[in-house]
Amino acid sequence: MSRAPEFSYRLEVQDLPSKGVRVKLEADEKERAALAKRLGLVSLDAFKAEAEVKPWRKSGVSVRGHFTAEVTQSCVVTLEPLQDSVSDSFEAYFLPESDLTPVNPQAEIHVDLDDAHDPDPLDDGGIDVGELVSEHLSLAINPYPRKGDAEFSPVVEDDGKTDGKREDNPFAVLGKLRRQDD
């Protein structure tokens, strides 16, 4: 069972004009809240995109676009909220599944990372531009947001047995065991 996209704008290939169409999208508050939850953000304060969708290779579609977003994430060190602006350009290509080269599970697979025209299958004769933009946002956000002055300081509990030196690290424990064997 597939989930419904939080931010959806579906286009059918058969309805696409021969010169293509320019799409402007902006997520509303409900869509931003649902996307923030899916992407593990504190909040998604703004999310806008523009895309040009054109016919490609007789039965396919090409999409070129750009998005901007204002996100709030938790700092990985302090867990404090951290705001960031995210923007990126993207390009994607789609063909009907019948036009894609079938994958032989026994064959060696060659992936050319420089080939921008590696198409994805159409979804029941169309594409969801909103979901496509959301996927690219998920790739563009910082996976480890960190405040500039944040420093990790491990908490060392004083058990009263030492004079501030931590001796329960693995090497200290191994050293004690080795001395016992001697």
Protein backbone atom coordinates (compact mmCIF):
# COMPACT_ATOMS: atom_id res chain seq x y z
CA MET A 1 0.00 0.00 0.00
CA SER A 2 1.51 3.33 -1.03
CA ARG A 3 1.02 6.48 0.97
CA ALA A 4 -0.58 9.62 -0.43
CA PRO A 5 1.97 12.38 -1.05
CA GLU A 6 1.87 15.26 1.43
CA PHE A 7 2.52 17.79 -1.35
CA SER A 8 0.94 16.70 -4.61
CA TYR A 9 0.52 18.23 -8.05
CA ARG A 10 -0.19 15.53 -10.61
CA LEU A 11 0.12 15.99 -14.37
CA GLU A 12 -1.08 13.45 -16.94
CA VAL A 13 1.24 13.00 -19.93
CA GLN A 14 -1.68 12.82 -22.38
CA ASP A 15 -2.88 16.28 -21.24
CA LEU A 16 0.53 17.92 -21.63
CA PRO A 17 0.69 20.57 -24.40
CA SER A 18 3.35 19.99 -27.08
CA LYS A 19 5.33 23.03 -25.88
CA GLY A 20 5.09 21.90 -22.26
CA VAL A 21 3.83 23.73 -19.23
CA ARG A 22 5.37 25.88 -16.51
CA VAL A 23 4.23 24.98 -13.01
CA LYS A 24 4.48 27.17 -9.90
CA LEU A 25 3.90 25.41 -6.59
CA GLU A 26 3.71 26.60 -3.00
CA ALA A 27 2.98 24.30 -0.07
CA ASP A 28 0.25 25.43 2.31
CA GLU A 29 0.53 25.16 6.09
CA LYS A 30 -1.00 21.67 6.28
CA GLU A 31 1.27 20.32 3.51
CA ARG A 32 4.35 21.89 5.11
CA ALA A 33 3.51 20.37 8.49
CA ALA A 34 3.04 16.90 6.96
CA LEU A 35 6.28 17.20 4.96
CA ALA A 36 8.18 18.39 8.05
CA LYS A 37 7.01 15.30 9.92
CA ARG A 38 8.02 12.99 7.05
CA LEU A 39 11.46 14.59 6.69
CA GLY A 40 12.19 14.76 10.43
CA LEU A 41 12.22 18.56 10.58
CA VAL A 42 11.13 20.74 13.48
CA SER A 43 9.20 22.78 10.91
CA LEU A 44 9.04 23.63 7.24
CA ASP A 45 8.31 27.35 7.26
CA ALA A 46 8.18 27.94 3.48
CA PHE A 47 8.37 25.74 0.40
CA LYS A 48 8.05 27.03 -3.17
CA ALA A 49 8.98 25.55 -6.52
CA GLU A 50 8.87 26.27 -10.23
CA ALA A 51 9.18 23.57 -12.86
CA GLU A 52 9.03 23.30 -16.61
CA VAL A 53 7.41 20.06 -17.73
CA LYS A 54 7.83 19.10 -21.41
CA PRO A 55 7.16 16.09 -23.59
CA TRP A 56 10.30 13.97 -24.08
CA ARG A 57 11.00 11.05 -26.44
CA LYS A 58 7.47 10.72 -27.89
CA SER A 59 5.83 9.18 -24.80
CA GLY A 60 7.92 10.55 -21.95
CA VAL A 61 8.28 13.71 -19.89
CA SER A 62 11.22 15.89 -18.84
CA VAL A 63 11.04 18.08 -15.75
CA ARG A 64 13.45 20.90 -14.94
CA GLY A 65 12.91 23.02 -11.89
CA HIS A 66 14.12 24.93 -8.89
CA PHE A 67 12.85 25.13 -5.32
CA THR A 68 13.44 27.18 -2.19
CA ALA A 69 12.57 26.26 1.36
CA GLU A 70 12.94 27.62 4.87
CA VAL A 71 13.50 24.75 7.30
CA THR A 72 13.98 24.45 11.04
CA GLN A 73 15.97 21.44 12.21
CA SER A 74 17.40 20.30 15.53
CA CYS A 75 21.13 20.84 16.03
CA VAL A 76 22.79 17.40 16.26
CA VAL A 77 24.89 18.57 19.21
CA THR A 78 22.63 20.77 21.33
CA LEU A 79 19.19 19.77 19.98
CA GLU A 80 18.35 23.48 19.77
CA PRO A 81 16.27 24.66 16.80
CA LEU A 82 18.39 25.73 13.84
CA GLN A 83 16.94 27.62 10.88
CA ASP A 84 18.31 27.19 7.36
CA SER A 85 17.48 28.27 3.82
CA VAL A 86 17.60 25.50 1.26
CA SER A 87 17.46 25.89 -2.50
CA ASP A 88 18.38 23.61 -5.36
CA SER A 89 17.76 22.92 -9.03
CA PHE A 90 16.74 19.54 -10.34
CA GLU A 91 16.02 17.69 -13.54
CA ALA A 92 14.23 14.39 -14.07
CA TYR A 93 13.05 12.25 -16.97
CA PHE A 94 10.16 9.79 -17.16
CA LEU A 95 9.04 7.14 -19.65
CA PRO A 96 6.24 4.58 -19.64
CA GLU A 97 7.38 1.33 -18.09
CA SER A 98 6.91 -0.42 -21.43
CA ASP A 99 9.55 1.90 -23.00
CA LEU A 100 12.16 1.25 -20.32
CA THR A 101 14.83 -1.36 -20.89
CA PRO A 102 14.00 -4.38 -18.74
CA VAL A 103 16.58 -5.26 -16.13
CA ASN A 104 18.04 -8.74 -16.33
CA PRO A 105 18.73 -9.87 -12.75
CA GLN A 106 21.62 -12.04 -14.00
CA ALA A 107 23.34 -9.24 -15.95
CA GLU A 108 25.97 -6.85 -14.70
CA ILE A 109 24.52 -3.39 -14.12
CA HIS A 110 26.42 -0.35 -15.34
CA VAL A 111 25.46 2.94 -13.71
CA ASP A 112 26.62 6.13 -15.39
CA LEU A 113 26.33 8.89 -12.79
CA ASP A 114 26.94 11.53 -15.46
CA ASP A 115 23.93 10.38 -17.52
CA ALA A 116 21.23 12.86 -16.57
CA HIS A 117 18.79 11.17 -18.93
CA ASP A 118 18.33 7.94 -17.00
CA PRO A 119 14.52 7.88 -16.91
CA ASP A 120 12.20 6.77 -14.15
CA PRO A 121 8.90 5.04 -14.92
CA LEU A 122 5.74 7.10 -15.24
CA ASP A 123 3.15 6.55 -12.54
CA ASP A 124 -0.05 5.39 -14.30
CA GLY A 125 0.55 7.69 -17.26
CA GLY A 126 1.54 10.75 -15.27
CA ILE A 127 3.92 12.33 -12.80
CA ASP A 128 3.48 14.03 -9.46
CA VAL A 129 5.54 17.22 -9.66
CA GLY A 130 4.86 18.04 -6.00
CA GLU A 131 6.23 14.69 -4.84
CA LEU A 132 9.21 15.03 -7.19
CA VAL A 133 10.06 18.41 -5.65
CA SER A 134 9.57 16.99 -2.13
CA GLU A 135 12.02 14.16 -2.88
CA HIS A 136 14.62 16.66 -4.05
CA LEU A 137 14.09 18.75 -0.91
CA SER A 138 14.78 15.64 1.18
CA LEU A 139 18.11 15.25 -0.61
CA ALA A 140 19.06 18.93 -0.24
CA ILE A 141 18.50 19.44 3.49
CA ASN A 142 21.53 19.18 5.77
CA PRO A 143 21.57 15.66 7.27
CA TYR A 144 23.67 16.85 10.25
CA PRO A 145 22.65 20.43 11.08
CA ARG A 146 24.97 21.98 13.63
CA LYS A 147 25.08 25.43 15.19
CA GLY A 148 28.38 27.14 14.41
CA ASP A 149 29.54 27.41 18.03
CA ALA A 150 28.18 24.04 19.22
CA GLU A 151 30.75 21.70 20.75
CA PHE A 152 30.20 18.21 22.03
CA SER A 153 31.35 17.69 25.60
CA PRO A 154 30.82 14.19 26.99
CA VAL A 155 29.39 14.09 30.48
CA VAL A 156 31.78 12.44 32.93
CA GLU A 157 30.22 11.48 36.21
CA ASP A 158 32.47 11.60 39.27
CA ASP A 159 31.92 8.50 41.37
CA GLY A 160 34.12 9.81 44.17
CA LYS A 161 36.70 7.03 43.68
CA THR A 162 38.97 9.00 41.41
CA ASP A 163 40.42 12.45 41.54
CA GLY A 164 38.65 13.61 38.36
CA LYS A 165 40.41 11.12 36.08
CA ARG A 166 38.21 8.79 34.18
CA GLU A 167 39.49 5.24 34.50
CA ASP A 168 36.55 3.24 33.23
CA ASN A 169 37.53 3.56 29.58
CA PRO A 170 38.25 0.25 27.83
CA PHE A 171 42.01 0.70 27.85
CA ALA A 172 42.16 1.49 31.56
CA VAL A 173 40.07 -1.59 32.32
CA LEU A 174 42.32 -3.76 30.14
CA GLY A 175 45.38 -2.31 31.86
CA LYS A 176 43.98 -3.27 35.27
CA LEU A 177 43.29 -6.83 34.04
CA ARG A 178 46.79 -7.14 32.66
CA ARG A 179 48.34 -6.03 35.98
CA GLN A 180 46.25 -8.64 37.80
CA ASP A 181 47.65 -11.39 35.54
CA ASP A 182 51.29 -10.40 36.22
